[in-house]
Amino acid sequence: MLIDPEKALISLENISIHNAIDKLNANQVTKEKVNLLFEKMGFDKIFGRKEIMGNINL
């Protein structure tokens, strides 16, 4: 079975982001909300307060 290099790279980038979020000096609830926001917005979307409030119910 061959692994698509682009999918593997994206997975590695996601792991790096999640590791960086885990290392934040923040409480667990904040880290969970940041992870949720990243999952919904990804790397290539620009977002502001409206999108944050809508996506993670703040």
Protein backbone atom coordinates (compact mmCIF):
# COMPACT_ATOMS: atom_id res chain seq x y z
CA MET A 1 0.00 0.00 0.00
CA LEU A 2 1.43 3.36 -1.01
CA ILE A 3 1.05 6.48 1.10
CA ASP A 4 0.25 9.72 -0.66
CA PRO A 5 3.14 12.08 0.29
CA GLU A 6 0.83 15.13 0.35
CA LYS A 7 -1.53 13.49 2.83
CA ALA A 8 1.41 12.41 4.99
CA LEU A 9 2.80 15.98 4.99
CA ILE A 10 -0.56 17.42 6.02
CA SER A 11 -0.81 14.90 8.86
CA LEU A 12 2.67 15.86 10.09
CA GLU A 13 1.73 19.54 9.98
CA ASN A 14 -1.43 18.82 11.98
CA ILE A 15 0.55 16.90 14.59
CA SER A 16 2.99 19.80 14.90
CA ILE A 17 0.16 22.29 15.41
CA HIS A 18 -1.50 20.09 18.02
CA ASN A 19 1.82 19.69 19.84
CA ALA A 20 2.33 23.46 19.82
CA ILE A 21 -1.18 24.00 21.18
CA ASP A 22 -0.57 21.45 23.94
CA LYS A 23 2.53 23.40 24.99
CA LEU A 24 0.66 26.71 25.32
CA ASN A 25 0.59 28.34 28.72
CA ALA A 26 -3.21 28.06 28.94
CA ASN A 27 -5.81 25.99 30.72
CA GLN A 28 -7.15 22.79 29.17
CA VAL A 29 -10.48 24.31 28.11
CA THR A 30 -8.68 27.04 26.14
CA LYS A 31 -6.42 24.46 24.48
CA GLU A 32 -9.45 22.38 23.48
CA LYS A 33 -11.13 25.43 21.94
CA VAL A 34 -7.96 26.35 20.02
CA ASN A 35 -7.75 22.78 18.70
CA LEU A 36 -11.41 22.92 17.66
CA LEU A 37 -10.88 26.23 15.90
CA PHE A 38 -7.86 24.85 14.05
CA GLU A 39 -9.83 21.77 12.97
CA LYS A 40 -12.58 23.97 11.52
CA MET A 41 -10.41 26.72 10.00
CA GLY A 42 -7.23 24.90 8.99
CA PHE A 43 -4.05 26.56 7.77
CA ASP A 44 -5.26 28.68 4.91
CA LYS A 45 -8.31 30.58 6.10
CA ILE A 46 -8.33 34.07 7.50
CA PHE A 47 -10.72 34.49 10.39
CA GLY A 48 -11.74 37.00 12.97
CA ARG A 49 -13.92 37.33 16.04
CA LYS A 50 -17.14 36.51 14.17
CA GLU A 51 -15.79 33.20 12.86
CA ILE A 52 -14.32 32.31 16.25
CA MET A 53 -17.62 32.98 18.00
CA GLY A 54 -19.57 31.01 15.38
CA ASN A 55 -17.24 28.03 15.20
CA ILE A 56 -16.52 27.38 18.85
CA ASN A 57 -19.60 28.93 20.44
CA LEU A 58 -17.94 31.68 22.43
